């Protein structure tokens, strides 16, 4: 059992074995002795300690790991022994530098070289990274800015913002791809001091040029600071926006979904409509909870991202929490997809049942009147709707489903009788289930004299679920039969009823029609057509409640346009000679 100690190395806390600590301490003391009296020794020692701390962090799997002899030996092997290096001016001789450049090469990292910058140091940094002279890189950016509508300028600004500066000695060595060891750290620090000495010696000769260069750098540095400030302000704005979006969504989800599931546990009124739609077997509280997690977790991370942008020292929620939320989100999405597939299967098949009846009417020669009546259902403010299906309650508070999906069609009969065919449709997971659900639709009609009175709504028990239930009433009448649709049928007449006025759906309501031999209704009391008598009367323009009907013929040309509730129909071409 060994004793451990805590050390602060380059402002980083490490737990280190006592024996390993003594070895590291002796190593650092020998380095300090080697550089004693050397120009820039303090900076050299600080950079060496920073590099050692960086190497330790790379080798640690977690923050509680203890540094042992093994890690210390590995670091010393990378950094080298102090006695291996000369600490005098001979270190900069060409021969000495050549021997050290043959040492292990590192991969270069992209930094901005602020020591040789003209604006932001981007091109100088790319020179080290790409091995291309900075002059050519600057020319490329200028050409791109001129010939690509400013793309070069935008690219430069983005690199200026995103690429960090090479400030420390380690970063400058990384920028050049040189190993970060004692020799290179010492050399770079002494190069910096030599550069300062050279500038002092040549200040009289370069006075004017340095003033111009310094002034330009100051100007561009100011521009850079302004751009960075604007981006920071924009980033803060984005952070605030993300927080508002994330928080508002989470609050809305909580009250709109999560609370609905909780209310269902205590029989909250109206939530039972979920059971009318759902056939997956999942209770409403479970579906609400899954939807809350599936939608809420991504927006929680949106909120967290906004907080990270605004609060720089915000403590991380930890990998355990992140992966737990990710797992919960994946489970919620997976279960919802499964339930969605099961729900969609309930609408995969349509089943139909038919009821046919031949009517015995007392005065078949009289006008046949089609009308509808309310079967006793009245709309109320508390009704809940699913498409055209409505959930309501009868006088005994029994839940019922009511729909106005009732359609009336008129066809020519093959005999001299009036016949009625009622087709009931519904969806289900299978044809058998759909047909059984269709049979449970309640829809009635009655014949009184020359009147056929239909129910205005279909009704079914809530246990049959809302599955696109609908009723189609087809009335076949013999040739010559006169028929009239009462106002109550408006909105229920099917499309495609052929008539000589080209009226659509509700347009035939209120007029008297006669069935001809071709199965087309002929109007007996429709208003006269408004005709534009231009072009020798070969045209018509009708504008009424049914839409616009334009039919113009001029010699060999013709143009037709109809605009109604079915859409727009345009036809142009040569006029037929027949």
Foldseek 3Di string as FASTA:
>chain_A
DFDWDWDQFLNDIAIETPVLVVVVVVQLVQLLVLCVPAVPSVLLSNLQSVVLVVQVVVPDPDRPDYHYNVSSVVSCVQQDGSVVDHRDPCCPDPVNVVVQVVPDFAQADQAQEPVPDQFQSRLVLVCLNVVDDSVVVVVVLVVCCVPVVHPSVVVVLVCSQPHHHQDGQVSVCSSNRHRPHSSSSSVVSVVVVVVVVVCVVCCVVCVVVVVVSVVSHVVSVVVSVVVNVVVLVVLLVLLVVLQVVLVVVLVCLCVVQQVLLVCVVVPNPPSCLVVLLADLPDRSNLLSVLVSLLPNLVSVVSNVVSVCSVDVPDDDPDPVVVVVSVVSNVVSVVVVVVRVVVSVLFFPDKEKDKDKDWDDADCQQDAQEEAEDAPPDDDDPPWDDDPQWIWDADPVRFIKIKGQQEAEAEWADPDQTKMKMKMKMFTGSDRVLGNVLRVQKDWDWDDDHSYIYTYRMIMGHSVSHPTPIHMYMYIHHHAFHKYAYAPNCQPRYDFDQAEPVPFGGNRRHPFIWGQHPVGYTYTDDDDDFAADCPQVRQWGWHDDPQFIWTWHAHQQKIWTWTAGPVGIDIDIDTDDPD
